[in-house]
């Protein structure tokens, strides 16, 4: 019975033989941070993706529902308040709830993956 080390050595020899013939088995993996569509958690691009606008001056917030972050003290408003109103009887309360959720998402940082999480399926042979 072959050991794990024996099998790994056989696979490596096969990979090298294929590589000499110009065939690569492993796709070139690009780190998430180098992808063109990558958005850094907590960045201004992340805020724009969530649909929230940072308010620098209180005068700019006149007429808008705002929320001040307890974590950073930054004040935000929704870019589009109408969307939050669609399904709720109290539009102002709904807009504030949606705004709080989005600010929390912006400031919470990168989500962690539990140690017990299964590996993600990554199709390699599909075009």
N, C-alpha and C. Protein backbone atom coordinates (compact mmCIF):
# COMPACT_ATOMS: atom_id res chain seq x y z
N UNK A 1 0.84 -1.18 0.00
CA UNK A 1 0.00 0.00 0.00
C UNK A 1 0.89 1.25 0.00
N UNK A 2 0.62 2.16 -0.89
CA UNK A 2 1.41 3.39 -1.01
C UNK A 2 1.05 4.34 0.13
N UNK A 3 2.04 5.03 0.60
CA UNK A 3 1.81 6.03 1.64
C UNK A 3 1.42 7.35 1.00
N UNK A 4 0.98 8.28 1.84
CA UNK A 4 0.61 9.59 1.34
C UNK A 4 1.80 10.27 0.66
N UNK A 5 2.98 10.14 1.28
CA UNK A 5 4.19 10.75 0.71
C UNK A 5 4.51 10.15 -0.66
N UNK A 6 4.32 8.82 -0.81
CA UNK A 6 4.57 8.17 -2.10
C UNK A 6 3.63 8.72 -3.16
N UNK A 7 2.37 8.83 -2.82
CA UNK A 7 1.38 9.33 -3.78
C UNK A 7 1.66 10.78 -4.16
N UNK A 8 2.03 11.60 -3.17
CA UNK A 8 2.35 13.00 -3.46
C UNK A 8 3.57 13.10 -4.38
N UNK A 9 4.56 12.24 -4.18
CA UNK A 9 5.74 12.23 -5.04
C UNK A 9 5.37 11.82 -6.46
N UNK A 10 4.48 10.84 -6.61
CA UNK A 10 4.04 10.41 -7.94
C UNK A 10 3.29 11.53 -8.65
N UNK A 11 2.42 12.20 -7.92
CA UNK A 11 1.66 13.32 -8.51
C UNK A 11 2.61 14.42 -8.93
N UNK A 12 3.61 14.74 -8.11
CA UNK A 12 4.57 15.78 -8.45
C UNK A 12 5.38 15.39 -9.69
N UNK A 13 5.79 14.12 -9.79
CA UNK A 13 6.53 13.68 -10.99
C UNK A 13 5.66 13.80 -12.24
N UNK A 14 4.38 13.47 -12.12
CA UNK A 14 3.45 13.58 -13.25
C UNK A 14 3.26 15.05 -13.63
N UNK A 15 3.14 15.91 -12.63
CA UNK A 15 2.98 17.34 -12.90
C UNK A 15 4.19 17.89 -13.63
N UNK A 16 5.38 17.51 -13.18
CA UNK A 16 6.61 17.99 -13.84
C UNK A 16 6.73 17.47 -15.27
N UNK A 17 6.33 16.21 -15.49
CA UNK A 17 6.38 15.65 -16.84
C UNK A 17 5.42 16.40 -17.76
N UNK A 18 4.23 16.69 -17.28
CA UNK A 18 3.25 17.44 -18.08
C UNK A 18 3.75 18.86 -18.33
N UNK A 19 4.36 19.46 -17.31
CA UNK A 19 4.87 20.83 -17.46
C UNK A 19 5.96 20.90 -18.52
N UNK A 20 6.82 19.89 -18.58
CA UNK A 20 7.86 19.84 -19.62
C UNK A 20 7.24 19.76 -21.01
N UNK A 21 6.04 19.17 -21.09
CA UNK A 21 5.35 19.06 -22.37
C UNK A 21 4.51 20.31 -22.66
N UNK A 22 4.56 21.29 -21.75
CA UNK A 22 3.82 22.54 -21.98
C UNK A 22 2.41 22.53 -21.43
N UNK A 23 2.08 21.56 -20.61
CA UNK A 23 0.73 21.47 -20.03
C UNK A 23 0.81 21.81 -18.55
N UNK A 24 0.01 22.79 -18.14
CA UNK A 24 -0.02 23.15 -16.71
C UNK A 24 -1.36 22.72 -16.14
N UNK A 25 -1.33 22.13 -14.97
CA UNK A 25 -2.55 21.66 -14.32
C UNK A 25 -3.15 22.68 -13.38
N UNK A 26 -2.32 23.52 -12.82
CA UNK A 26 -2.79 24.47 -11.84
C UNK A 26 -3.08 25.81 -12.51
N UNK A 27 -4.30 26.34 -12.32
CA UNK A 27 -4.60 27.64 -12.90
C UNK A 27 -3.85 28.73 -12.15
N UNK A 28 -3.59 29.83 -12.82
CA UNK A 28 -2.94 30.95 -12.18
C UNK A 28 -3.98 31.64 -11.30
N UNK A 29 -3.79 31.57 -10.01
CA UNK A 29 -4.73 32.15 -9.07
C UNK A 29 -4.31 33.59 -8.77
N UNK A 30 -5.25 34.48 -8.93
CA UNK A 30 -5.01 35.89 -8.65
C UNK A 30 -5.58 36.20 -7.27
N UNK A 31 -4.80 36.77 -6.38
CA UNK A 31 -5.34 37.12 -5.06
C UNK A 31 -6.52 38.08 -5.19
N UNK A 32 -7.46 37.99 -4.26
CA UNK A 32 -8.65 38.84 -4.31
C UNK A 32 -8.30 40.31 -4.42
N UNK A 33 -7.27 40.73 -3.71
CA UNK A 33 -6.93 42.15 -3.68
C UNK A 33 -6.38 42.67 -5.00
N UNK A 34 -6.01 41.77 -5.92
CA UNK A 34 -5.47 42.20 -7.22
C UNK A 34 -6.49 42.12 -8.34
N UNK A 35 -7.71 41.67 -8.02
CA UNK A 35 -8.76 41.60 -9.04
C UNK A 35 -9.27 43.00 -9.35
N UNK A 36 -9.70 43.21 -10.59
CA UNK A 36 -10.19 44.53 -11.01
C UNK A 36 -11.48 44.90 -10.28
N UNK A 37 -12.28 43.91 -9.87
CA UNK A 37 -13.55 44.20 -9.22
C UNK A 37 -13.47 44.16 -7.69
N UNK A 38 -12.26 44.13 -7.12
CA UNK A 38 -12.09 44.05 -5.68
C UNK A 38 -12.45 45.38 -5.02
N UNK A 39 -13.20 45.30 -3.93
CA UNK A 39 -13.54 46.48 -3.14
C UNK A 39 -13.07 46.22 -1.72
N UNK A 40 -12.21 47.07 -1.20
CA UNK A 40 -11.68 46.93 0.16
C UNK A 40 -12.79 47.24 1.17
N UNK A 41 -12.93 46.39 2.19
CA UNK A 41 -13.93 46.61 3.22
C UNK A 41 -13.64 47.91 3.94
N UNK A 42 -14.67 48.74 4.11
CA UNK A 42 -14.55 50.00 4.82
C UNK A 42 -14.06 51.16 3.98
N UNK A 43 -13.78 50.94 2.70
CA UNK A 43 -13.26 52.00 1.83
C UNK A 43 -14.40 52.88 1.31
N UNK A 44 -14.07 54.04 0.73
CA UNK A 44 -15.10 54.87 0.11
C UNK A 44 -15.85 54.13 -1.02
N UNK A 45 -15.14 53.25 -1.73
CA UNK A 45 -15.79 52.45 -2.77
C UNK A 45 -16.81 51.50 -2.17
N UNK A 46 -16.49 50.95 -0.98
CA UNK A 46 -17.42 50.06 -0.29
C UNK A 46 -18.67 50.84 0.13
N UNK A 47 -18.49 52.06 0.62
CA UNK A 47 -19.63 52.91 0.98
C UNK A 47 -20.50 53.19 -0.24
N UNK A 48 -19.87 53.49 -1.38
CA UNK A 48 -20.63 53.74 -2.61
C UNK A 48 -21.38 52.49 -3.05
N UNK A 49 -20.74 51.34 -2.91
CA UNK A 49 -21.39 50.07 -3.26
C UNK A 49 -22.62 49.84 -2.38
N UNK A 50 -22.52 50.19 -1.11
CA UNK A 50 -23.64 50.02 -0.18
C UNK A 50 -24.73 51.09 -0.38
N UNK A 51 -24.40 52.17 -1.07
CA UNK A 51 -25.38 53.22 -1.30
C UNK A 51 -25.49 54.21 -0.16
N UNK A 52 -24.39 54.46 0.54
CA UNK A 52 -24.40 55.45 1.61
C UNK A 52 -23.37 56.53 1.32
N UNK A 53 -23.67 57.74 1.80
CA UNK A 53 -22.83 58.90 1.54
C UNK A 53 -22.37 59.47 2.88
N UNK A 54 -21.08 59.72 3.00
CA UNK A 54 -20.54 60.32 4.23
C UNK A 54 -20.86 61.81 4.23
N UNK A 55 -21.31 62.29 5.36
CA UNK A 55 -21.65 63.71 5.51
C UNK A 55 -20.53 64.39 6.28
N UNK A 56 -19.84 65.34 5.64
CA UNK A 56 -18.74 66.04 6.29
C UNK A 56 -19.24 67.26 7.06
N UNK A 57 -20.27 67.92 6.52
CA UNK A 57 -20.80 69.14 7.13
C UNK A 57 -22.27 68.94 7.43
N UNK A 58 -22.72 69.31 8.62
CA UNK A 58 -24.13 69.11 9.02
C UNK A 58 -25.09 69.86 8.09
N UNK A 59 -24.63 70.96 7.50
CA UNK A 59 -25.47 71.71 6.57
C UNK A 59 -25.79 70.92 5.31
N UNK A 60 -24.89 70.01 4.94
CA UNK A 60 -25.11 69.18 3.75
C UNK A 60 -26.17 68.12 3.98
N UNK A 61 -26.53 67.87 5.23
CA UNK A 61 -27.47 66.80 5.56
C UNK A 61 -28.90 67.30 5.74
N UNK A 62 -29.13 68.58 5.53
CA UNK A 62 -30.45 69.14 5.74
C UNK A 62 -31.46 68.49 4.79
N UNK A 63 -32.53 67.99 5.36
CA UNK A 63 -33.56 67.34 4.56
C UNK A 63 -33.35 65.84 4.40
N UNK A 64 -32.24 65.31 4.88
CA UNK A 64 -31.96 63.88 4.79
C UNK A 64 -32.06 63.21 6.16
N UNK A 65 -32.36 61.95 6.15
CA UNK A 65 -32.29 61.14 7.36
C UNK A 65 -30.84 60.72 7.51
N UNK A 66 -30.25 61.00 8.68
CA UNK A 66 -28.84 60.71 8.88
C UNK A 66 -28.65 59.74 10.05
N UNK A 67 -27.47 59.17 10.09
CA UNK A 67 -27.10 58.28 11.19
C UNK A 67 -25.63 58.53 11.51
N UNK A 68 -25.34 58.74 12.80
CA UNK A 68 -23.96 58.93 13.22
C UNK A 68 -23.44 57.62 13.81
N UNK A 69 -22.35 57.15 13.26
CA UNK A 69 -21.74 55.90 13.70
C UNK A 69 -21.24 56.03 15.12
N UNK A 70 -21.60 55.07 15.97
CA UNK A 70 -21.08 55.06 17.34
C UNK A 70 -19.61 54.65 17.36
N UNK A 71 -19.21 53.91 16.34
CA UNK A 71 -17.84 53.39 16.28
C UNK A 71 -16.84 54.48 15.87
N UNK A 72 -17.19 55.25 14.83
CA UNK A 72 -16.24 56.24 14.30
C UNK A 72 -16.69 57.68 14.48
N UNK A 73 -17.96 57.89 14.78
CA UNK A 73 -18.47 59.25 14.90
C UNK A 73 -18.80 59.90 13.57
N UNK A 74 -18.63 59.17 12.48
CA UNK A 74 -18.90 59.70 11.14
C UNK A 74 -20.41 59.69 10.90
N UNK A 75 -20.90 60.72 10.23
CA UNK A 75 -22.32 60.81 9.91
C UNK A 75 -22.54 60.40 8.46
N UNK A 76 -23.58 59.59 8.23
CA UNK A 76 -23.90 59.08 6.90
C UNK A 76 -25.37 59.35 6.58
N UNK A 77 -25.67 59.31 5.28
CA UNK A 77 -27.04 59.34 4.79
C UNK A 77 -27.15 58.32 3.66
N UNK A 78 -28.38 57.93 3.35
CA UNK A 78 -28.60 57.04 2.23
C UNK A 78 -28.47 57.82 0.92
N UNK A 79 -27.90 57.20 -0.06
CA UNK A 79 -27.83 57.84 -1.38
C UNK A 79 -29.22 57.93 -1.99
N UNK A 80 -30.02 56.88 -1.78
CA UNK A 80 -31.38 56.83 -2.31
C UNK A 80 -32.32 56.41 -1.18
N UNK A 81 -33.02 57.36 -0.60
CA UNK A 81 -33.92 57.05 0.52
C UNK A 81 -35.22 56.39 0.08
N UNK A 82 -35.57 56.53 -1.17
CA UNK A 82 -36.85 56.01 -1.65
C UNK A 82 -36.90 54.49 -1.58
N UNK A 83 -35.80 53.82 -1.87
CA UNK A 83 -35.78 52.36 -1.86
C UNK A 83 -36.18 51.80 -0.51
N UNK A 84 -35.74 52.43 0.57
CA UNK A 84 -36.07 51.95 1.91
C UNK A 84 -37.55 52.13 2.23
N UNK A 85 -38.22 53.05 1.56
CA UNK A 85 -39.62 53.34 1.88
C UNK A 85 -40.61 52.36 1.27
N UNK A 86 -40.20 51.62 0.30
CA UNK A 86 -41.12 50.86 -0.53
C UNK A 86 -42.00 49.87 0.24
N UNK A 87 -41.44 49.15 1.19
CA UNK A 87 -42.19 48.07 1.83
C UNK A 87 -42.55 48.31 3.29
N UNK A 88 -42.36 49.50 3.81
CA UNK A 88 -42.59 49.72 5.23
C UNK A 88 -43.63 50.82 5.44
N UNK A 89 -44.46 50.68 6.49
CA UNK A 89 -45.49 51.69 6.73
C UNK A 89 -44.94 53.02 7.23
N UNK A 90 -43.81 53.00 7.95
CA UNK A 90 -43.21 54.23 8.45
C UNK A 90 -41.91 54.49 7.69
N UNK A 91 -41.93 55.30 6.65
CA UNK A 91 -40.75 55.51 5.81
C UNK A 91 -39.53 56.02 6.55
N UNK A 92 -39.71 56.93 7.49
CA UNK A 92 -38.55 57.49 8.20
C UNK A 92 -37.87 56.42 9.04
N UNK A 93 -38.65 55.60 9.70
CA UNK A 93 -38.07 54.54 10.52
C UNK A 93 -37.38 53.49 9.63
N UNK A 94 -37.99 53.19 8.51
CA UNK A 94 -37.39 52.22 7.59
C UNK A 94 -36.07 52.74 7.03
N UNK A 95 -36.02 54.01 6.65
CA UNK A 95 -34.79 54.58 6.11
C UNK A 95 -33.69 54.57 7.15
N UNK A 96 -34.02 54.90 8.40
CA UNK A 96 -33.02 54.90 9.45
C UNK A 96 -32.51 53.48 9.71
N UNK A 97 -33.40 52.51 9.69
CA UNK A 97 -33.01 51.11 9.89
C UNK A 97 -32.06 50.64 8.78
N UNK A 98 -32.41 50.92 7.55
CA UNK A 98 -31.57 50.53 6.42
C UNK A 98 -30.21 51.24 6.49
N UNK A 99 -30.21 52.51 6.81
CA UNK A 99 -28.96 53.27 6.92
C UNK A 99 -28.07 52.69 8.02
N UNK A 100 -28.64 52.37 9.18
CA UNK A 100 -27.85 51.77 10.27
C UNK A 100 -27.25 50.44 9.84
N UNK A 101 -28.02 49.62 9.13
CA UNK A 101 -27.52 48.33 8.66
C UNK A 101 -26.35 48.51 7.70
N UNK A 102 -26.46 49.46 6.79
CA UNK A 102 -25.41 49.68 5.80
C UNK A 102 -24.15 50.25 6.44
N UNK A 103 -24.28 51.15 7.39
CA UNK A 103 -23.11 51.70 8.09
C UNK A 103 -22.43 50.59 8.88
N UNK A 104 -23.22 49.73 9.52
CA UNK A 104 -22.65 48.61 10.25
C UNK A 104 -21.87 47.69 9.32
N UNK A 105 -22.43 47.43 8.15
CA UNK A 105 -21.74 46.59 7.16
C UNK A 105 -20.45 47.24 6.69
N UNK A 106 -20.46 48.54 6.50
CA UNK A 106 -19.27 49.27 6.05
C UNK A 106 -18.15 49.20 7.09
N UNK A 107 -18.49 49.34 8.36
CA UNK A 107 -17.49 49.47 9.41
C UNK A 107 -17.13 48.16 10.09
N UNK A 108 -17.80 47.08 9.75
CA UNK A 108 -17.55 45.82 10.46
C UNK A 108 -16.28 45.12 10.01
N UNK A 109 -15.72 45.49 8.88
CA UNK A 109 -14.49 44.86 8.40
C UNK A 109 -14.76 43.57 7.65
N UNK A 110 -13.68 42.93 7.25
CA UNK A 110 -13.77 41.70 6.47
C UNK A 110 -14.39 40.59 7.32
N UNK A 111 -15.37 39.88 6.80
CA UNK A 111 -15.97 38.80 7.58
C UNK A 111 -14.98 37.65 7.77
N UNK A 112 -15.10 36.99 8.91
CA UNK A 112 -14.22 35.86 9.19
C UNK A 112 -14.86 34.56 8.73
N UNK A 113 -14.03 33.60 8.38
CA UNK A 113 -14.51 32.29 7.95
C UNK A 113 -14.30 31.33 9.12
N UNK A 114 -15.36 30.66 9.58
CA UNK A 114 -15.20 29.72 10.68
C UNK A 114 -14.26 28.58 10.31
N UNK A 115 -13.54 28.07 11.29
CA UNK A 115 -12.59 26.98 11.05
C UNK A 115 -13.31 25.73 10.54
N UNK A 116 -14.57 25.59 10.90
CA UNK A 116 -15.33 24.39 10.51
C UNK A 116 -15.98 24.52 9.13
N UNK A 117 -15.77 25.65 8.45
CA UNK A 117 -16.39 25.87 7.14
C UNK A 117 -15.76 24.95 6.10
N UNK A 118 -16.59 24.37 5.21
CA UNK A 118 -16.02 23.52 4.16
C UNK A 118 -15.31 24.38 3.12
N UNK A 119 -14.39 23.80 2.36
CA UNK A 119 -13.71 24.58 1.32
C UNK A 119 -14.70 24.96 0.22
N UNK A 120 -14.43 26.09 -0.40
CA UNK A 120 -15.29 26.53 -1.50
C UNK A 120 -15.00 25.72 -2.74
N UNK A 121 -16.05 25.45 -3.51
CA UNK A 121 -15.88 24.73 -4.76
C UNK A 121 -15.33 25.70 -5.79
N UNK A 122 -14.24 25.33 -6.42
CA UNK A 122 -13.63 26.17 -7.44
C UNK A 122 -13.53 25.37 -8.74
N UNK A 123 -14.43 25.64 -9.71
CA UNK A 123 -14.38 24.89 -10.96
C UNK A 123 -13.09 25.17 -11.70
N UNK A 124 -12.38 24.13 -12.09
CA UNK A 124 -11.11 24.30 -12.77
C UNK A 124 -11.17 23.87 -14.23
N UNK A 125 -12.09 22.96 -14.55
CA UNK A 125 -12.13 22.41 -15.90
C UNK A 125 -13.23 23.02 -16.75
N UNK A 126 -13.87 24.07 -16.26
CA UNK A 126 -14.96 24.69 -17.02
C UNK A 126 -14.44 25.89 -17.75
N UNK A 127 -14.99 26.15 -18.91
CA UNK A 127 -14.57 27.31 -19.70
C UNK A 127 -15.55 28.42 -19.53
